[in-house]
Protein backbone atom coordinates (compact mmCIF):
# COMPACT_ATOMS: atom_id res chain seq x y z
CA MET A 1 45.08 -82.04 -174.49
CA THR A 2 44.77 -79.97 -171.31
CA LYS A 3 43.91 -83.16 -169.40
CA ARG A 4 47.07 -84.88 -170.66
CA ILE A 5 49.27 -81.91 -169.65
CA THR A 6 47.67 -81.86 -166.21
CA THR A 7 48.29 -85.60 -165.82
CA ILE A 8 51.96 -85.22 -166.85
CA ILE A 9 52.44 -82.36 -164.37
CA CYS A 10 50.90 -84.47 -161.59
CA ILE A 11 53.22 -87.38 -162.42
CA LEU A 12 56.28 -85.10 -162.42
CA CYS A 13 55.26 -83.58 -159.08
CA PHE A 14 54.81 -87.07 -157.62
CA LEU A 15 58.24 -88.18 -158.86
CA SER A 16 59.85 -85.00 -157.46
CA VAL A 17 58.33 -85.64 -154.04
CA GLN A 18 59.51 -89.26 -154.15
CA LEU A 19 63.04 -88.18 -155.13
CA LEU A 20 63.23 -85.58 -152.36
CA SER A 21 61.89 -88.12 -149.89
CA ALA A 22 64.49 -90.67 -150.98
CA ARG A 23 67.27 -88.09 -150.61
CA SER A 24 66.00 -87.17 -147.17
CA VAL A 25 65.93 -90.82 -146.10
CA THR A 26 69.46 -91.34 -147.49
CA ALA A 27 70.77 -88.25 -145.67
CA GLN A 28 69.11 -89.37 -142.43
CA ARG A 29 70.52 -92.88 -142.82
CA HIS A 30 74.01 -91.41 -143.42
CA GLU A 31 73.71 -89.19 -140.35
CA ASN A 32 72.64 -92.18 -138.25
CA GLN A 33 75.65 -94.14 -139.53
CA MET A 34 77.98 -91.26 -138.65
CA ASN A 35 76.47 -91.02 -135.17
CA SER A 36 76.88 -94.75 -134.60
CA ARG A 37 80.50 -94.59 -135.80
CA SER A 38 81.13 -91.58 -133.61
CA ASP A 39 80.58 -93.40 -130.31
CA LYS A 40 84.34 -93.90 -130.13
CA PRO A 41 86.08 -90.51 -130.47
CA ILE A 42 89.07 -89.90 -132.70
CA ARG A 43 92.17 -89.17 -130.61
CA ALA A 44 94.61 -86.49 -131.78
CA VAL A 45 97.58 -84.70 -130.22
CA LEU A 46 98.70 -81.22 -131.27
CA LEU A 47 102.37 -80.39 -130.71
CA ASN A 48 101.88 -76.69 -129.96
CA PRO A 49 105.15 -74.82 -130.42
CA GLY A 50 103.89 -71.45 -129.26
CA GLY A 51 102.74 -71.82 -125.66
CA SER A 52 100.32 -69.04 -124.78
CA HIS A 53 101.24 -66.88 -127.78
CA TRP A 54 98.12 -65.16 -129.09
CA PHE A 55 98.31 -66.77 -132.55
CA TRP A 56 98.44 -70.26 -131.14
CA LYS A 57 95.67 -69.46 -128.68
CA MET A 58 93.46 -68.40 -131.61
CA THR A 59 94.49 -71.51 -133.55
CA ILE A 60 93.76 -73.87 -130.66
CA ASP A 61 90.42 -72.25 -129.81
CA PHE A 62 89.33 -72.76 -133.42
CA MET A 63 90.63 -76.36 -133.42
CA GLN A 64 88.80 -77.19 -130.21
CA ALA A 65 85.51 -75.86 -131.57
CA ALA A 66 85.95 -78.09 -134.63
CA ALA A 67 87.00 -81.08 -132.52
CA ALA A 68 83.87 -80.75 -130.39
CA ASP A 69 81.63 -80.86 -133.49
CA LEU A 70 83.48 -83.83 -134.99
CA ASN A 71 83.84 -85.99 -131.86
CA ILE A 72 87.61 -85.63 -131.70
CA GLU A 73 89.52 -85.73 -128.41
CA LEU A 74 92.23 -83.11 -128.91
CA GLU A 75 95.19 -83.09 -126.54
CA VAL A 76 97.50 -80.06 -126.69
CA VAL A 77 101.16 -80.48 -125.71
CA THR A 78 103.14 -77.23 -125.47
CA SER A 79 106.88 -76.55 -125.83
CA ASP A 80 107.08 -72.72 -125.63
CA TYR A 81 109.15 -72.46 -128.84
CA ASN A 82 111.69 -75.02 -127.64
CA HIS A 83 112.02 -76.99 -130.87
CA LEU A 84 114.21 -79.64 -129.25
CA LEU A 85 111.64 -80.20 -126.51
CA THR A 86 108.99 -80.75 -129.19
CA ILE A 87 111.05 -83.63 -130.58
CA GLU A 88 111.27 -85.21 -127.11
CA GLN A 89 107.53 -84.76 -126.67
CA ALA A 90 106.93 -86.60 -129.95
CA LYS A 91 109.07 -89.50 -128.71
CA GLU A 92 107.05 -89.69 -125.49
CA ILE A 93 103.72 -89.61 -127.32
CA VAL A 94 104.50 -92.45 -129.74
CA ALA A 95 105.93 -94.55 -126.88
CA ARG A 96 102.68 -94.47 -124.92
CA ALA A 97 100.88 -97.75 -124.26
CA ASN A 98 97.93 -96.30 -126.17
CA PRO A 99 99.25 -93.68 -128.61
CA PRO A 100 96.86 -91.31 -130.37
CA ASP A 101 95.34 -91.92 -133.78
CA TYR A 102 97.03 -88.79 -135.11
CA ILE A 103 99.81 -86.33 -134.26
CA ILE A 104 99.62 -82.79 -135.66
CA THR A 105 102.81 -80.75 -135.80
CA GLY A 106 104.30 -77.58 -137.20
CA ASN A 107 107.92 -77.09 -138.27
CA GLU A 108 109.72 -74.79 -135.85
CA LYS A 109 113.38 -74.37 -136.73
CA SER A 110 113.16 -77.31 -139.15
CA ASN A 111 112.24 -79.88 -136.48
CA ALA A 112 109.35 -81.41 -138.46
CA GLY A 113 111.55 -83.86 -140.36
CA GLU A 114 112.73 -85.55 -137.19
CA ILE A 115 109.20 -85.58 -135.76
CA ILE A 116 107.83 -87.15 -138.96
CA ARG A 117 110.55 -89.81 -138.80
CA ILE A 118 109.74 -90.59 -135.15
CA ALA A 119 106.02 -90.96 -135.84
CA ASP A 120 106.56 -92.99 -139.01
CA GLU A 121 108.88 -95.47 -137.32
CA ALA A 122 106.31 -95.93 -134.53
CA GLY A 123 103.44 -96.39 -136.98
CA VAL A 124 101.55 -93.30 -135.76
CA LYS A 125 99.92 -91.15 -138.42
CA ILE A 126 101.18 -87.57 -138.52
CA PHE A 127 99.92 -84.39 -140.21
CA LEU A 128 102.04 -81.27 -140.86
CA PHE A 129 100.48 -77.82 -140.76
CA SER A 130 101.19 -74.11 -140.31
CA ASN A 131 104.90 -74.27 -141.26
CA GLY A 132 106.25 -76.42 -144.08
CA PHE A 133 109.82 -77.23 -145.09
CA VAL A 134 112.08 -74.29 -146.00
CA ASP A 135 115.44 -75.87 -146.74
CA PRO A 136 115.64 -77.56 -150.18
CA LYS A 137 117.69 -80.34 -148.52
CA ASP A 138 114.75 -81.06 -146.22
CA LYS A 139 112.36 -81.16 -149.16
CA GLN A 140 114.65 -83.58 -150.94
CA GLU A 141 115.09 -85.78 -147.87
CA TYR A 142 111.47 -85.94 -146.76
CA GLY A 143 109.62 -85.43 -150.04
CA ASN A 144 105.85 -85.04 -149.95
CA PRO A 145 103.31 -86.78 -147.72
CA ARG A 146 103.18 -90.58 -148.26
CA GLU A 147 106.17 -90.62 -150.63
CA LYS A 148 109.00 -91.64 -148.30
CA PHE A 149 107.15 -91.78 -144.98
CA PRO A 150 103.80 -93.55 -145.36
CA PHE A 151 102.53 -92.48 -141.95
CA TRP A 152 103.03 -88.82 -142.84
CA ILE A 153 99.57 -88.67 -144.34
CA GLY A 154 99.14 -85.00 -145.23
CA GLU A 155 99.91 -81.34 -144.79
CA LEU A 156 98.04 -78.05 -144.83
CA ILE A 157 100.33 -75.04 -145.23
CA PRO A 158 99.03 -71.47 -145.59
CA ASN A 159 100.06 -69.30 -148.50
CA ASN A 160 102.59 -67.24 -146.57
CA TYR A 161 104.10 -65.96 -149.80
CA SER A 162 100.76 -64.39 -150.70
CA ALA A 163 100.51 -62.83 -147.23
CA GLY A 164 103.90 -61.13 -147.53
CA TYR A 165 103.15 -59.99 -151.05
CA THR A 166 99.72 -58.59 -150.15
CA MET A 167 101.09 -56.70 -147.15
CA GLY A 168 103.93 -55.25 -149.20
CA LYS A 169 101.76 -54.19 -152.12
CA MET A 170 99.09 -52.60 -149.92
CA LEU A 171 101.68 -50.65 -147.95
CA ILE A 172 103.47 -49.42 -151.07
CA ASP A 173 100.21 -48.40 -152.76
CA GLU A 174 99.10 -46.57 -149.62
CA ALA A 175 102.45 -44.75 -149.41
CA LEU A 176 102.04 -43.69 -153.04
CA HIS A 177 98.49 -42.55 -152.34
CA LYS A 178 99.65 -40.48 -149.36
CA ASN A 179 102.75 -39.31 -151.25
CA LEU A 180 105.09 -40.56 -148.52
CA ARG A 181 108.61 -40.41 -149.90
CA ALA A 182 112.15 -39.73 -148.76
CA VAL A 183 114.03 -36.66 -149.99
CA ASP A 184 115.38 -38.69 -152.92
CA GLY A 185 111.83 -39.55 -153.99
CA LYS A 186 112.07 -43.18 -152.88
CA ILE A 187 109.75 -45.08 -150.57
CA ASN A 188 111.97 -46.69 -147.93
CA ILE A 189 110.97 -49.95 -146.25
CA VAL A 190 112.30 -51.72 -143.19
CA ALA A 191 111.16 -55.29 -142.54
CA ILE A 192 111.09 -57.08 -139.21
CA ALA A 193 110.81 -60.77 -140.04
CA GLY A 194 109.91 -63.69 -137.80
CA ALA A 195 112.23 -66.27 -136.30
CA TYR A 196 115.07 -67.70 -138.38
CA LEU A 197 114.46 -70.90 -140.34
CA THR A 198 110.68 -70.78 -140.22
CA HIS A 199 108.71 -71.38 -143.39
CA ALA A 200 106.20 -68.62 -142.56
CA SER A 201 108.85 -65.92 -142.14
CA GLU A 202 110.90 -66.91 -145.20
CA GLU A 203 107.86 -67.13 -147.47
CA ARG A 204 106.42 -63.81 -146.29
CA LEU A 205 109.75 -62.13 -146.97
CA ARG A 206 109.81 -63.68 -150.44
CA GLY A 207 106.37 -62.22 -151.06
CA LEU A 208 107.51 -58.78 -149.89
CA ASN A 209 110.50 -58.89 -152.23
CA ASP A 210 108.29 -59.74 -155.19
CA ALA A 211 105.89 -56.92 -154.32
CA MET A 212 108.79 -54.46 -154.22
CA ALA A 213 110.08 -55.74 -157.56
CA GLU A 214 106.96 -54.31 -159.18
CA TYR A 215 108.16 -50.80 -158.22
CA PRO A 216 111.87 -50.99 -159.14
CA ASP A 217 112.46 -47.24 -159.39
CA THR A 218 110.25 -46.27 -156.48
CA VAL A 219 110.90 -48.59 -153.53
CA GLN A 220 114.00 -49.68 -151.69
CA LEU A 221 114.40 -52.13 -148.82
CA LEU A 222 116.78 -50.61 -146.31
CA GLN A 223 117.25 -53.66 -144.08
CA VAL A 224 115.65 -56.88 -142.81
CA PHE A 225 115.81 -57.56 -139.08
CA HIS A 226 114.92 -60.94 -137.60
CA GLY A 227 112.61 -60.92 -134.60
CA ASP A 228 110.87 -63.79 -132.83
CA TRP A 229 107.20 -62.94 -133.49
CA THR A 230 106.82 -61.18 -130.12
CA TYR A 231 105.91 -57.62 -129.16
CA ASP A 232 108.87 -57.28 -126.78
CA LYS A 233 111.44 -58.29 -129.39
CA ALA A 234 109.87 -55.88 -131.88
CA VAL A 235 110.13 -53.04 -129.36
CA GLN A 236 113.78 -53.86 -128.72
CA LEU A 237 114.64 -54.02 -132.42
CA SER A 238 112.62 -50.94 -133.35
CA GLN A 239 114.53 -48.68 -131.02
CA GLY A 240 117.61 -49.36 -133.13
CA VAL A 241 115.65 -49.31 -136.39
CA PHE A 242 114.35 -45.79 -135.90
CA ARG A 243 117.70 -44.49 -134.68
CA ARG A 244 119.30 -45.81 -137.85
CA TYR A 245 116.43 -44.97 -140.22
CA PRO A 246 114.48 -42.05 -138.71
CA LYS A 247 112.84 -41.15 -142.05
CA VAL A 248 111.60 -44.61 -143.07
CA GLN A 249 108.14 -44.59 -144.71
CA ILE A 250 107.05 -48.23 -144.23
CA LEU A 251 107.58 -50.76 -141.45
CA TRP A 252 106.62 -54.25 -142.66
CA GLY A 253 106.06 -56.65 -139.75
CA ALA A 254 106.04 -60.43 -140.18
CA ASN A 255 103.09 -60.63 -137.80
CA ASP A 256 100.74 -58.33 -135.93
CA THR A 257 102.60 -58.15 -132.62
CA THR A 258 105.78 -57.25 -134.48
CA ALA A 259 103.95 -54.41 -136.23
CA LEU A 260 102.34 -53.24 -132.96
CA GLY A 261 105.65 -53.23 -131.08
CA ALA A 262 107.30 -51.17 -133.80
CA MET A 263 104.29 -48.85 -133.98
CA ASP A 264 104.43 -48.07 -130.27
CA VAL A 265 108.11 -47.19 -130.48
CA ALA A 266 107.46 -44.96 -133.50
CA ALA A 267 104.63 -43.17 -131.67
CA SER A 268 106.87 -42.62 -128.63
CA LEU A 269 109.37 -40.89 -130.94
CA GLY A 270 106.75 -38.48 -132.27
CA MET A 271 105.94 -40.28 -135.51
CA ARG A 272 102.29 -40.54 -136.58
CA PRO A 273 101.36 -44.12 -137.54
CA GLY A 274 99.03 -44.18 -140.51
CA GLN A 275 100.03 -40.65 -141.49
CA ASN A 276 103.78 -40.13 -141.94
CA ILE A 277 104.75 -43.78 -141.45
CA LEU A 278 102.80 -46.91 -142.42
CA PHE A 279 102.64 -50.29 -140.68
CA GLY A 280 101.37 -53.67 -141.80
CA GLY A 281 101.14 -57.00 -140.01
CA CYS A 282 99.78 -60.51 -140.27
CA GLY A 283 97.49 -62.59 -138.06
CA TRP A 284 94.17 -60.81 -137.39
CA TYR A 285 95.16 -60.26 -133.76
CA GLU A 286 92.31 -58.39 -132.04
CA PRO A 287 94.42 -55.40 -130.83
CA ALA A 288 95.82 -55.09 -134.36
CA LEU A 289 92.32 -54.97 -135.84
CA GLN A 290 91.51 -52.15 -133.43
CA LYS A 291 94.50 -50.26 -134.87
CA VAL A 292 93.12 -50.91 -138.37
CA GLU A 293 89.83 -49.38 -137.23
CA GLU A 294 91.72 -46.36 -135.88
CA GLY A 295 93.58 -45.93 -139.18
CA LYS A 296 97.00 -46.58 -137.63
CA LEU A 297 97.62 -50.04 -139.11
CA THR A 298 97.19 -50.23 -142.88
CA THR A 299 96.47 -53.95 -143.04
CA SER A 300 96.47 -57.19 -141.10
CA VAL A 301 96.61 -60.13 -143.48
CA GLY A 302 95.45 -63.43 -142.03
CA GLY A 303 92.87 -66.13 -141.58
CA HIS A 304 95.41 -68.95 -141.32
CA PHE A 305 94.64 -69.48 -137.62
CA MET A 306 91.59 -71.35 -138.93
CA GLU A 307 93.79 -74.04 -140.48
CA GLY A 308 93.81 -76.10 -137.31
CA GLY A 309 90.04 -76.47 -137.58
CA TRP A 310 90.32 -77.59 -141.19
CA VAL A 311 92.92 -80.17 -140.17
CA MET A 312 90.31 -81.56 -137.78
CA VAL A 313 87.80 -81.79 -140.64
CA MET A 314 90.27 -83.54 -142.96
CA LEU A 315 91.40 -86.01 -140.31
CA ASN A 316 87.78 -86.81 -139.45
CA ASP A 317 87.04 -87.57 -143.10
CA TYR A 318 90.22 -89.63 -143.50
CA HIS A 319 89.36 -91.59 -140.36
CA HIS A 320 85.98 -92.43 -141.86
CA GLY A 321 87.41 -93.62 -145.16
CA ILE A 322 87.26 -90.41 -147.21
CA ASP A 323 90.80 -89.53 -148.25
CA PHE A 324 91.76 -85.88 -148.76
CA ILE A 325 94.88 -86.55 -150.81
CA ASP A 326 93.16 -85.89 -154.15
CA ASP A 327 91.44 -82.72 -152.94
CA PRO A 328 94.34 -80.50 -151.83
CA TRP A 329 93.63 -77.17 -150.19
CA LYS A 330 95.99 -74.24 -149.72
CA THR A 331 94.79 -71.57 -147.35
CA SER A 332 94.67 -68.13 -148.86
CA MET A 333 95.13 -65.19 -146.54
CA PHE A 334 92.90 -62.16 -146.65
CA SER A 335 93.57 -58.51 -145.91
CA ILE A 336 91.59 -56.79 -143.21
CA ASP A 337 91.85 -53.08 -143.81
CA ALA A 338 89.74 -49.93 -143.66
CA THR A 339 87.33 -51.31 -146.28
CA ASN A 340 86.23 -54.43 -144.38
CA VAL A 341 87.33 -54.30 -140.75
CA GLY A 342 83.84 -53.31 -139.57
CA LYS A 343 82.17 -56.33 -141.18
CA TYR A 344 84.79 -58.74 -139.85
CA LEU A 345 84.44 -57.49 -136.28
CA GLN A 346 80.67 -57.63 -136.55
CA ILE A 347 80.75 -61.33 -137.47
CA PHE A 348 83.87 -62.62 -135.68
CA GLY A 349 84.59 -59.99 -133.05
CA LYS A 350 83.65 -62.20 -130.09
CA GLN A 351 85.66 -65.12 -131.52
CA ASP A 352 82.89 -67.53 -130.55
CA TRP A 353 83.75 -70.32 -132.96
CA ARG A 354 80.93 -72.49 -131.63
CA GLN A 355 78.66 -70.58 -133.99
CA ILE A 356 80.28 -72.52 -136.86
CA ASP A 357 78.90 -75.98 -137.66
CA PHE A 358 82.11 -77.72 -138.73
CA ARG A 359 80.18 -80.79 -139.88
CA LYS A 360 79.01 -78.76 -142.87
CA PHE A 361 82.63 -78.62 -144.08
CA SER A 362 83.14 -82.38 -143.68
CA LYS A 363 82.54 -84.80 -146.54
CA ALA A 364 81.82 -87.58 -144.04
CA TYR A 365 79.04 -85.62 -142.36
CA THR A 366 77.88 -83.85 -145.54
CA PRO A 367 77.97 -86.44 -148.36
CA ALA A 368 76.74 -83.95 -150.96
CA LEU A 369 80.03 -82.04 -150.51
CA LYS A 370 82.36 -82.94 -153.38
CA ARG A 371 85.19 -80.43 -152.90
CA TYR A 372 86.56 -78.79 -149.78
CA ASP A 373 85.85 -75.10 -149.40
CA PHE A 374 87.52 -73.61 -146.33
CA SER A 375 87.44 -70.05 -147.64
CA LEU A 376 86.49 -67.08 -145.49
CA GLU A 377 83.43 -66.56 -147.69
CA ALA A 378 82.28 -70.13 -147.02
CA VAL A 379 82.67 -69.66 -143.26
CA ILE A 380 80.70 -66.40 -143.29
CA GLN A 381 77.99 -67.99 -145.44
CA GLN A 382 77.72 -70.97 -143.09
CA ILE A 383 77.37 -68.72 -140.03
CA GLU A 384 74.80 -66.48 -141.66
CA SER A 385 72.76 -69.47 -142.88
CA GLN A 386 72.16 -70.44 -139.25
CA LYS A 387 70.79 -67.06 -138.22
CA PRO A 388 67.00 -66.77 -137.84
CA GLN A 389 65.46 -65.32 -140.99
């Protein structure tokens, strides 16, 4: 009996070794196939609306790290927030003798529809990210990817609603915790939004409004001002904000530089950020994270700068015959606050994105991968798995 059990165990061990060996050979064969396919790089053009703006610099740095791993030639064409220039740039790109395999665009001031039309008519594949359609008329006219414009192959839009909601809720809860209230017992909020007619700004404001609706007898929104995402515009607006509302408890900024500009004006007027007035922003901008560490900024919600890298992954897979259309991903944003800022800076503080192996997120390079996982946890896990044990 013992002999038979021993024999069975030996057979099972042998079969396990054979199976592992077969898997290893299959994985090696797949990697060799990918390498042979990768001799000719994928060519992509990013229509960068933001010039040297810090958010777009972070986005492009992350994209370029991904492109390097995935053998993608990424060309960046910049318009410095001139949405009409972006349309002209799209026309020039599709008219080239050798146009790129893919164009990647945002949607500044609702220019994406025209850019999608230009690319589709030229037969150049286009991918929308960062800012989606805001106007219901645009949604009706352009539909979803591949519905009305077959060369509009996909989109990856962050959950800006969630970002605005998270910022609002954290700020309100912190004000309640610190017992910051006006003389009438209310918590007063002023919001400085982003540029008009941008999906990100409108959705973040919608999230803020829903967060406030959970405190109907406690919170009131005094006014919404529209900025342009920049520090200088926030400074200019905030001088009027604090003259009009000197006792406001919360300043909600559509992004980090907006929050920082308003914070500096408040400090110059003798207010104490983080103590008698609270600020929140969005973007994970390095100077903003320093303010989180100092206790002056309640939260920076973000992570969406990574989306450009995930677009590279999805386009690589699509190019190699693995369609992403049935595996949609919507980027969640995460709060960096007093509870986790230290860990984030420890892992990502140097912003050296080369430490990420983007092939591990690609179904073409990693055939065992069945579903996309571009979460912050997955990125941290991938980085830590490469560290020497």
